[in-house]
Amino acid sequence: MFLSLQMNMMIWNKFLIPGFLVWLLQLTISNLLIIDTVRPDFICILILYWSIRKGRFIGTLAGLILGIVFDLSGTANFFGISPLIYSITGYLAGNLYGKYSKLNPFYYNFAWVLILSFQFLIYCIINYQEILIIDIGLFFSKWFGTSLYTIIFVGIFQFIYPLNRIE
């Protein structure tokens, strides 16, 4: 009984400790890396990695929980947008679970880039809705910058811990 309980705690620690550290990193370091109004989204990167490693259910649940925690920490502009976009990212990236050996590596990497781009499109439509109405060119530049900034960080993490080694 005690051994079973200890094993369950070890499994939960694999999620709680990295989740807390990335949340703390998002709150502190991302404000130092801000360019204009664009900052990297480390929580999204963690959800992407967890979803590809564990599947859709864990990715969606982790996205929902981390999104609620992020919104409750007081850094979100619109309450509820973070759980929405992180859950969508977790669900869509969870579809890549176990697919690296079945897909062409170009399509596999293109898929997660599309998933992140779609997530940031939803984010930008809600967050920059007044810019969308006034100047559509500026809106698309904000969307492209926001997406590209986080995709660059995922690309950097690819050298440290590639997505294909997750499976």
Foldseek 3Di string as FASTA:
>chain_A
DVVVVVVVVVVVCVPVVVLVVQLVCCVPVQVVVDDPNATARSLLLVLLLCLQQPAQVVSLVSQQVSQQVSVVVPPDPDRPLRNVLSNQLSNQSRVNHPCCVVDDVVVSLVSNLVSLLVSLVSVLCVPVVVCCVVPVVVSVVNSVRNSVNNVVVLVVVCVVPNSVVSD
